[in-house]
Structure formats: C-alpha cells, structure tokens
Amino acid sequence: MSNIPYTNADLRAEAADQHNYLTEDPDFMGIGEAMDDSIVTSTEDGPNLTWGDLLPDEDAFNDAQKKIRTLIVGAADVSKWAVHLGADGLEPINTNLTIKNRAGEDRVRLHFAFAPDMDEDKREAVMEVIADAIRQS
C-alpha cells in the first residue's frame, strides 16, 4: 500500500482544473508577445510571415491580439479530455468528423485520438466505420 494520500484520478482532475484555469483569463500581453514571433499559418507555404511581420501597424496587431484572446476565452473546456489523452499516451489528430444539419450548420463534431503506434490505415478504418454507422442511422 502506498503512503501517497491521493489517487491518479485526483492528479488528473487537478491537472484538468489547472489547464482550464489557465485559459479563463489569459494574459493579454503574453498573447501579444507569443504572437510577435509566431508564424501565421496561412503564410507557411509562402513567405513565412510572423504576426509582427504581417501586422506592423500596432492597431491592427492589437485588434488581432484581442480576437485571439476572445477565441481562447470562448473556447470549449476540453481540459479533462486533453489531460486524459496525454496521461493515456493518446495523440489527437487534426482530422475530425463533422455532422451538419440540412441548413449546413455544424451539429456534431467528433475528434479522434489514437495510440502513436496505430498505423494510418487502421486510424482511417476506425473513422470510416464510425462515419458509416452515422450515415446509416
């Protein structure tokens, strides 16, 4: 028996709480500092511009900075999911399955995470089985 008075579940729960807390009120200046040298994704295939390069005007940069902070604050709390994935050694992938209604609005989005040693064919097969099951329902 261990002398440790807490469980692995306690550690995961606290990590999820802390993860969420860090996104509730992110440091505005810290966001700007991180953005300044960060490559803007849409320029990765071209000139590789940082936010500072792309938006040399301070007002335009600050506007983007505010929008990014708003996205962080408004993001869904997936802290428990993220902590459990990391603790279990699973890696999220960029592909997701989105189900839309007839008006074209997103209604359900499934995100996937796999063991790092699961090959791409098996990953695709899992996602296809789920997509097929949804289509048939």
N, C-alpha and C. Protein backbone atom coordinates (compact mmCIF):
# COMPACT_ATOMS: atom_id res chain seq x y z
N MET A 1 0.84 -1.18 0.00
CA MET A 1 0.00 0.00 0.00
C MET A 1 0.88 1.24 0.00
N SER A 2 0.49 2.22 -0.75
CA SER A 2 1.26 3.45 -0.90
C SER A 2 0.95 4.43 0.23
N ASN A 3 1.95 5.23 0.58
CA ASN A 3 1.75 6.28 1.58
C ASN A 3 1.23 7.57 0.96
N ILE A 4 1.03 7.56 -0.34
CA ILE A 4 0.55 8.76 -1.03
C ILE A 4 -0.95 8.88 -0.79
N PRO A 5 -1.40 10.04 -0.25
CA PRO A 5 -2.81 10.18 0.12
C PRO A 5 -3.73 10.63 -1.00
N TYR A 6 -3.30 10.54 -2.24
CA TYR A 6 -4.14 10.93 -3.36
C TYR A 6 -4.03 9.88 -4.45
N THR A 7 -4.99 9.93 -5.35
CA THR A 7 -5.03 8.93 -6.42
C THR A 7 -4.59 9.55 -7.74
N ASN A 8 -4.38 8.70 -8.71
CA ASN A 8 -4.09 9.16 -10.06
C ASN A 8 -5.26 9.99 -10.58
N ALA A 9 -6.48 9.58 -10.24
CA ALA A 9 -7.67 10.34 -10.66
C ALA A 9 -7.65 11.74 -10.05
N ASP A 10 -7.18 11.86 -8.80
CA ASP A 10 -7.06 13.19 -8.17
C ASP A 10 -6.08 14.06 -8.95
N LEU A 11 -4.96 13.49 -9.35
CA LEU A 11 -3.97 14.24 -10.12
C LEU A 11 -4.55 14.70 -11.45
N ARG A 12 -5.24 13.81 -12.14
CA ARG A 12 -5.84 14.16 -13.43
C ARG A 12 -6.90 15.24 -13.27
N ALA A 13 -7.73 15.12 -12.23
CA ALA A 13 -8.78 16.13 -12.01
C ALA A 13 -8.17 17.50 -11.74
N GLU A 14 -7.13 17.55 -10.92
CA GLU A 14 -6.49 18.84 -10.62
C GLU A 14 -5.78 19.39 -11.85
N ALA A 15 -5.14 18.53 -12.63
CA ALA A 15 -4.49 18.99 -13.85
C ALA A 15 -5.51 19.59 -14.81
N ALA A 16 -6.67 18.96 -14.93
CA ALA A 16 -7.73 19.48 -15.81
C ALA A 16 -8.22 20.82 -15.29
N ASP A 17 -8.40 20.94 -13.97
CA ASP A 17 -8.84 22.23 -13.40
C ASP A 17 -7.81 23.32 -13.68
N GLN A 18 -6.53 22.99 -13.51
CA GLN A 18 -5.48 23.98 -13.74
C GLN A 18 -5.38 24.34 -15.22
N HIS A 19 -5.51 23.36 -16.08
CA HIS A 19 -5.48 23.59 -17.53
C HIS A 19 -6.59 24.56 -17.92
N ASN A 20 -7.78 24.31 -17.43
CA ASN A 20 -8.92 25.18 -17.72
C ASN A 20 -8.69 26.58 -17.15
N TYR A 21 -8.19 26.66 -15.93
CA TYR A 21 -7.95 27.95 -15.28
C TYR A 21 -7.02 28.83 -16.12
N LEU A 22 -6.02 28.22 -16.71
CA LEU A 22 -5.05 28.99 -17.49
C LEU A 22 -5.67 29.61 -18.74
N THR A 23 -6.81 29.10 -19.19
CA THR A 23 -7.47 29.67 -20.36
C THR A 23 -8.61 30.61 -20.02
N GLU A 24 -9.01 30.66 -18.75
CA GLU A 24 -10.15 31.50 -18.37
C GLU A 24 -9.86 32.99 -18.50
N ASP A 25 -8.65 33.38 -18.16
CA ASP A 25 -8.29 34.80 -18.21
C ASP A 25 -6.84 34.92 -18.68
N PRO A 26 -6.59 34.60 -19.95
CA PRO A 26 -5.21 34.61 -20.43
C PRO A 26 -4.62 36.02 -20.44
N ASP A 27 -3.34 36.07 -20.18
CA ASP A 27 -2.61 37.34 -20.12
C ASP A 27 -2.55 37.98 -21.51
N PHE A 28 -3.19 39.14 -21.65
CA PHE A 28 -3.26 39.83 -22.93
C PHE A 28 -1.86 40.14 -23.47
N MET A 29 -0.99 40.65 -22.61
CA MET A 29 0.36 40.99 -23.06
C MET A 29 1.14 39.73 -23.46
N GLY A 30 0.94 38.65 -22.71
CA GLY A 30 1.61 37.40 -23.03
C GLY A 30 1.19 36.87 -24.40
N ILE A 31 -0.09 37.04 -24.73
CA ILE A 31 -0.57 36.62 -26.06
C ILE A 31 0.17 37.41 -27.14
N GLY A 32 0.26 38.72 -26.95
CA GLY A 32 0.94 39.57 -27.93
C GLY A 32 2.40 39.20 -28.08
N GLU A 33 3.06 38.94 -26.95
CA GLU A 33 4.48 38.56 -27.02
C GLU A 33 4.66 37.23 -27.77
N ALA A 34 3.77 36.28 -27.52
CA ALA A 34 3.86 34.99 -28.20
C ALA A 34 3.55 35.13 -29.70
N MET A 35 2.59 36.00 -30.02
CA MET A 35 2.21 36.21 -31.42
C MET A 35 3.33 36.84 -32.23
N ASP A 36 4.05 37.75 -31.61
CA ASP A 36 5.02 38.57 -32.32
C ASP A 36 5.98 37.75 -33.18
N ASP A 37 6.45 36.62 -32.64
CA ASP A 37 7.42 35.79 -33.36
C ASP A 37 6.82 34.51 -33.92
N SER A 38 5.50 34.35 -33.81
CA SER A 38 4.83 33.15 -34.28
C SER A 38 4.47 33.29 -35.76
N ILE A 39 4.76 32.24 -36.53
CA ILE A 39 4.45 32.26 -37.97
C ILE A 39 2.94 32.17 -38.16
N VAL A 40 2.39 33.01 -39.02
CA VAL A 40 0.96 32.97 -39.36
C VAL A 40 0.75 31.77 -40.28
N THR A 41 -0.15 30.88 -39.88
CA THR A 41 -0.35 29.61 -40.57
C THR A 41 -0.55 29.78 -42.07
N SER A 42 -1.34 30.76 -42.47
CA SER A 42 -1.64 30.91 -43.91
C SER A 42 -0.43 31.36 -44.72
N THR A 43 0.67 31.71 -44.08
CA THR A 43 1.86 32.13 -44.82
C THR A 43 2.96 31.07 -44.81
N GLU A 44 2.67 29.89 -44.23
CA GLU A 44 3.69 28.85 -44.11
C GLU A 44 4.20 28.34 -45.46
N ASP A 45 3.35 28.33 -46.48
CA ASP A 45 3.78 27.86 -47.80
C ASP A 45 4.42 28.96 -48.63
N GLY A 46 4.40 30.17 -48.13
CA GLY A 46 4.93 31.30 -48.87
C GLY A 46 6.06 31.97 -48.12
N PRO A 47 5.84 33.20 -47.73
CA PRO A 47 6.93 33.98 -47.15
C PRO A 47 7.22 33.71 -45.68
N ASN A 48 6.44 32.84 -44.99
CA ASN A 48 6.65 32.57 -43.56
C ASN A 48 6.66 33.85 -42.72
N LEU A 49 5.57 34.56 -42.76
CA LEU A 49 5.47 35.81 -42.01
C LEU A 49 5.01 35.58 -40.58
N THR A 50 5.63 36.29 -39.65
CA THR A 50 5.15 36.28 -38.27
C THR A 50 4.01 37.28 -38.17
N TRP A 51 3.28 37.23 -37.05
CA TRP A 51 2.21 38.22 -36.84
C TRP A 51 2.79 39.63 -36.83
N GLY A 52 3.99 39.77 -36.27
CA GLY A 52 4.65 41.07 -36.25
C GLY A 52 4.98 41.57 -37.65
N ASP A 53 5.40 40.64 -38.53
CA ASP A 53 5.69 40.98 -39.93
C ASP A 53 4.41 41.33 -40.67
N LEU A 54 3.38 40.50 -40.47
CA LEU A 54 2.13 40.64 -41.19
C LEU A 54 1.37 41.91 -40.78
N LEU A 55 1.47 42.26 -39.50
CA LEU A 55 0.72 43.40 -38.97
C LEU A 55 1.66 44.39 -38.28
N PRO A 56 2.47 45.12 -39.05
CA PRO A 56 3.39 46.07 -38.43
C PRO A 56 2.67 47.25 -37.78
N ASP A 57 1.44 47.52 -38.20
CA ASP A 57 0.65 48.58 -37.60
C ASP A 57 0.17 48.11 -36.22
N GLU A 58 0.48 48.88 -35.19
CA GLU A 58 0.16 48.49 -33.81
C GLU A 58 -1.33 48.28 -33.59
N ASP A 59 -2.17 49.13 -34.18
CA ASP A 59 -3.61 48.99 -34.00
C ASP A 59 -4.13 47.69 -34.62
N ALA A 60 -3.63 47.35 -35.80
CA ALA A 60 -4.06 46.12 -36.47
C ALA A 60 -3.58 44.90 -35.68
N PHE A 61 -2.35 44.97 -35.17
CA PHE A 61 -1.81 43.87 -34.36
C PHE A 61 -2.65 43.69 -33.10
N ASN A 62 -2.95 44.79 -32.42
CA ASN A 62 -3.74 44.73 -31.19
C ASN A 62 -5.14 44.20 -31.45
N ASP A 63 -5.71 44.54 -32.60
CA ASP A 63 -7.03 44.03 -32.95
C ASP A 63 -6.99 42.51 -33.10
N ALA A 64 -6.00 42.01 -33.79
CA ALA A 64 -5.85 40.55 -33.95
C ALA A 64 -5.60 39.90 -32.59
N GLN A 65 -4.79 40.54 -31.77
CA GLN A 65 -4.48 40.05 -30.43
C GLN A 65 -5.77 39.92 -29.59
N LYS A 66 -6.63 40.92 -29.66
CA LYS A 66 -7.91 40.89 -28.94
C LYS A 66 -8.79 39.76 -29.45
N LYS A 67 -8.82 39.57 -30.76
CA LYS A 67 -9.63 38.50 -31.34
C LYS A 67 -9.12 37.13 -30.90
N ILE A 68 -7.81 36.96 -30.83
CA ILE A 68 -7.23 35.69 -30.39
C ILE A 68 -7.57 35.44 -28.93
N ARG A 69 -7.46 36.47 -28.10
CA ARG A 69 -7.81 36.32 -26.68
C ARG A 69 -9.28 35.93 -26.54
N THR A 70 -10.16 36.54 -27.34
CA THR A 70 -11.59 36.22 -27.29
C THR A 70 -11.82 34.75 -27.67
N LEU A 71 -11.09 34.27 -28.68
CA LEU A 71 -11.21 32.86 -29.05
C LEU A 71 -10.74 31.94 -27.93
N ILE A 72 -9.67 32.30 -27.24
CA ILE A 72 -9.17 31.49 -26.13
C ILE A 72 -10.20 31.45 -25.01
N VAL A 73 -10.69 32.61 -24.62
CA VAL A 73 -11.65 32.70 -23.52
C VAL A 73 -12.95 31.97 -23.87
N GLY A 74 -13.37 32.03 -25.12
CA GLY A 74 -14.61 31.40 -25.53
C GLY A 74 -14.49 29.94 -25.94
N ALA A 75 -13.29 29.41 -25.88
CA ALA A 75 -13.08 28.02 -26.30
C ALA A 75 -13.78 27.05 -25.35
N ALA A 76 -14.22 25.95 -25.92
CA ALA A 76 -14.85 24.90 -25.11
C ALA A 76 -13.82 24.34 -24.12
N ASP A 77 -14.29 24.03 -22.93
CA ASP A 77 -13.40 23.45 -21.93
C ASP A 77 -13.22 21.96 -22.22
N VAL A 78 -12.12 21.64 -22.85
CA VAL A 78 -11.78 20.25 -23.13
C VAL A 78 -10.59 19.81 -22.28
N SER A 79 -10.43 20.49 -21.15
CA SER A 79 -9.28 20.23 -20.29
C SER A 79 -9.22 18.79 -19.81
N LYS A 80 -10.33 18.25 -19.34
CA LYS A 80 -10.32 16.86 -18.85
C LYS A 80 -9.95 15.91 -19.99
N TRP A 81 -10.55 16.14 -21.15
CA TRP A 81 -10.25 15.32 -22.31
C TRP A 81 -8.76 15.39 -22.64
N ALA A 82 -8.22 16.59 -22.68
CA ALA A 82 -6.81 16.78 -23.03
C ALA A 82 -5.88 16.11 -22.02
N VAL A 83 -6.17 16.28 -20.74
CA VAL A 83 -5.34 15.67 -19.70
C VAL A 83 -5.40 14.14 -19.79
N HIS A 84 -6.59 13.59 -19.94
CA HIS A 84 -6.72 12.13 -20.03
C HIS A 84 -6.02 11.59 -21.28
N LEU A 85 -6.12 12.29 -22.40
CA LEU A 85 -5.43 11.84 -23.61
C LEU A 85 -3.92 11.77 -23.37
N GLY A 86 -3.37 12.84 -22.83
CA GLY A 86 -1.94 12.87 -22.57
C GLY A 86 -1.51 11.81 -21.58
N ALA A 87 -2.27 11.66 -20.50
CA ALA A 87 -1.94 10.67 -19.48
C ALA A 87 -2.02 9.25 -20.02
N ASP A 88 -2.93 9.03 -20.95
CA ASP A 88 -3.09 7.70 -21.55
C ASP A 88 -2.19 7.47 -22.75
N GLY A 89 -1.42 8.48 -23.12
CA GLY A 89 -0.48 8.34 -24.23
C GLY A 89 -1.13 8.42 -25.60
N LEU A 90 -2.36 8.91 -25.66
CA LEU A 90 -3.04 9.04 -26.95
C LEU A 90 -2.73 10.39 -27.57
N GLU A 91 -2.71 10.42 -28.89
CA GLU A 91 -2.39 11.65 -29.60
C GLU A 91 -3.58 12.08 -30.47
N PRO A 92 -4.07 13.30 -30.26
CA PRO A 92 -5.16 13.78 -31.13
C PRO A 92 -4.64 14.00 -32.54
N ILE A 93 -5.52 13.79 -33.50
CA ILE A 93 -5.16 14.05 -34.89
C ILE A 93 -5.95 15.26 -35.37
N ASN A 94 -5.52 15.85 -36.45
CA ASN A 94 -6.17 17.06 -36.97
C ASN A 94 -7.47 16.78 -37.69
N THR A 95 -7.70 15.53 -38.07
CA THR A 95 -8.92 15.17 -38.79
C THR A 95 -10.07 15.02 -37.81
N ASN A 96 -11.24 15.50 -38.20
CA ASN A 96 -12.43 15.29 -37.38
C ASN A 96 -13.59 14.95 -38.28
N LEU A 97 -14.66 14.47 -37.68
CA LEU A 97 -15.87 14.13 -38.40
C LEU A 97 -16.94 15.12 -37.96
N THR A 98 -17.45 15.93 -38.90
CA THR A 98 -18.45 16.93 -38.59
C THR A 98 -19.76 16.56 -39.25
N ILE A 99 -20.82 16.62 -38.47
CA ILE A 99 -22.16 16.33 -38.98
C ILE A 99 -22.92 17.64 -39.02
N LYS A 100 -23.50 17.93 -40.18
CA LYS A 100 -24.23 19.18 -40.38
C LYS A 100 -25.72 18.89 -40.52
N ASN A 101 -26.54 19.89 -40.21
CA ASN A 101 -27.97 19.75 -40.46
C ASN A 101 -28.25 20.16 -41.91
N ARG A 102 -29.50 20.15 -42.31
CA ARG A 102 -29.84 20.47 -43.69
C ARG A 102 -29.52 21.91 -44.07
N ALA A 103 -29.45 22.79 -43.07
CA ALA A 103 -29.11 24.19 -43.33
C ALA A 103 -27.60 24.39 -43.43
N GLY A 104 -26.83 23.30 -43.26
CA GLY A 104 -25.38 23.39 -43.37
C GLY A 104 -24.68 23.81 -42.09
N GLU A 105 -25.43 23.83 -40.97
CA GLU A 105 -24.84 24.23 -39.69
C GLU A 105 -24.21 23.02 -39.00
N ASP A 106 -23.06 23.23 -38.39
CA ASP A 106 -22.42 22.15 -37.64
C ASP A 106 -23.29 21.77 -36.45
N ARG A 107 -23.57 20.46 -36.31
CA ARG A 107 -24.40 19.97 -35.22
C ARG A 107 -23.61 19.05 -34.28
N VAL A 108 -22.70 18.28 -34.84
CA VAL A 108 -21.89 17.35 -34.05
C VAL A 108 -20.49 17.34 -34.64
N ARG A 109 -19.50 17.32 -33.80
CA ARG A 109 -18.13 17.18 -34.28
C ARG A 109 -17.43 16.16 -33.41
N LEU A 110 -16.91 15.13 -34.05
CA LEU A 110 -16.16 14.10 -33.35
C LEU A 110 -14.67 14.30 -33.61
N HIS A 111 -13.91 14.34 -32.54
CA HIS A 111 -12.46 14.45 -32.64
C HIS A 111 -11.88 13.09 -32.26
N PHE A 112 -10.77 12.76 -32.85
CA PHE A 112 -10.19 11.45 -32.65
C PHE A 112 -8.78 11.57 -32.07
N ALA A 113 -8.44 10.57 -31.25
CA ALA A 113 -7.10 10.45 -30.71
C ALA A 113 -6.73 8.98 -30.75
N PHE A 114 -5.51 8.70 -31.11
CA PHE A 114 -5.07 7.32 -31.29
C PHE A 114 -3.74 7.09 -30.58
N ALA A 115 -3.47 5.82 -30.33
CA ALA A 115 -2.15 5.44 -29.83
C ALA A 115 -1.13 5.77 -30.91
N PRO A 116 0.04 6.27 -30.52
CA PRO A 116 1.03 6.68 -31.53
C PRO A 116 1.47 5.55 -32.45
N ASP A 117 1.37 4.30 -32.00
CA ASP A 117 1.83 3.19 -32.84
C ASP A 117 0.74 2.63 -33.75
N MET A 118 -0.48 3.22 -33.70
CA MET A 118 -1.55 2.77 -34.60
C MET A 118 -1.30 3.35 -35.98
N ASP A 119 -1.21 2.47 -36.98
CA ASP A 119 -0.88 2.96 -38.32
C ASP A 119 -2.05 3.73 -38.95
N GLU A 120 -1.72 4.48 -39.97
CA GLU A 120 -2.68 5.37 -40.62
C GLU A 120 -3.88 4.61 -41.20
N ASP A 121 -3.64 3.43 -41.76
CA ASP A 121 -4.75 2.65 -42.32
C ASP A 121 -5.77 2.26 -41.26
N LYS A 122 -5.29 1.86 -40.08
CA LYS A 122 -6.21 1.49 -39.00
C LYS A 122 -6.97 2.72 -38.50
N ARG A 123 -6.29 3.83 -38.40
CA ARG A 123 -6.95 5.07 -37.97
C ARG A 123 -8.08 5.43 -38.93
N GLU A 124 -7.77 5.39 -40.21
CA GLU A 124 -8.79 5.71 -41.22
C GLU A 124 -9.94 4.72 -41.18
N ALA A 125 -9.64 3.46 -40.94
CA ALA A 125 -10.69 2.43 -40.87
C ALA A 125 -11.63 2.71 -39.69
N VAL A 126 -11.08 3.07 -38.55
CA VAL A 126 -11.91 3.40 -37.38
C VAL A 126 -12.83 4.56 -37.70
N MET A 127 -12.28 5.61 -38.27
CA MET A 127 -13.09 6.80 -38.58
C MET A 127 -14.15 6.47 -39.63
N GLU A 128 -13.83 5.63 -40.59
CA GLU A 128 -14.79 5.26 -41.63
C GLU A 128 -15.93 4.42 -41.06
N VAL A 129 -15.61 3.50 -40.15
CA VAL A 129 -16.66 2.69 -39.51
C VAL A 129 -17.64 3.59 -38.76
N ILE A 130 -17.12 4.56 -38.05
CA ILE A 130 -17.98 5.49 -37.31
C ILE A 130 -18.80 6.33 -38.25
N ALA A 131 -18.18 6.84 -39.29
CA ALA A 131 -18.92 7.65 -40.28
C ALA A 131 -20.01 6.83 -40.94
N ASP A 132 -19.73 5.58 -41.29
CA ASP A 132 -20.73 4.71 -41.91
C ASP A 132 -21.89 4.45 -40.95
N ALA A 133 -21.59 4.21 -39.69
CA ALA A 133 -22.65 3.96 -38.71
C ALA A 133 -23.56 5.17 -38.56
N ILE A 134 -22.98 6.35 -38.60
CA ILE A 134 -23.78 7.58 -38.51
C ILE A 134 -24.64 7.75 -39.75
N ARG A 135 -24.06 7.51 -40.91
CA ARG A 135 -24.81 7.64 -42.17
C ARG A 135 -26.01 6.70 -42.20
N GLN A 136 -25.86 5.51 -41.63
CA GLN A 136 -26.92 4.50 -41.66
C GLN A 136 -28.01 4.74 -40.61
N SER A 137 -27.75 5.62 -39.67
CA SER A 137 -28.75 5.83 -38.60
C SER A 137 -29.77 6.88 -38.98
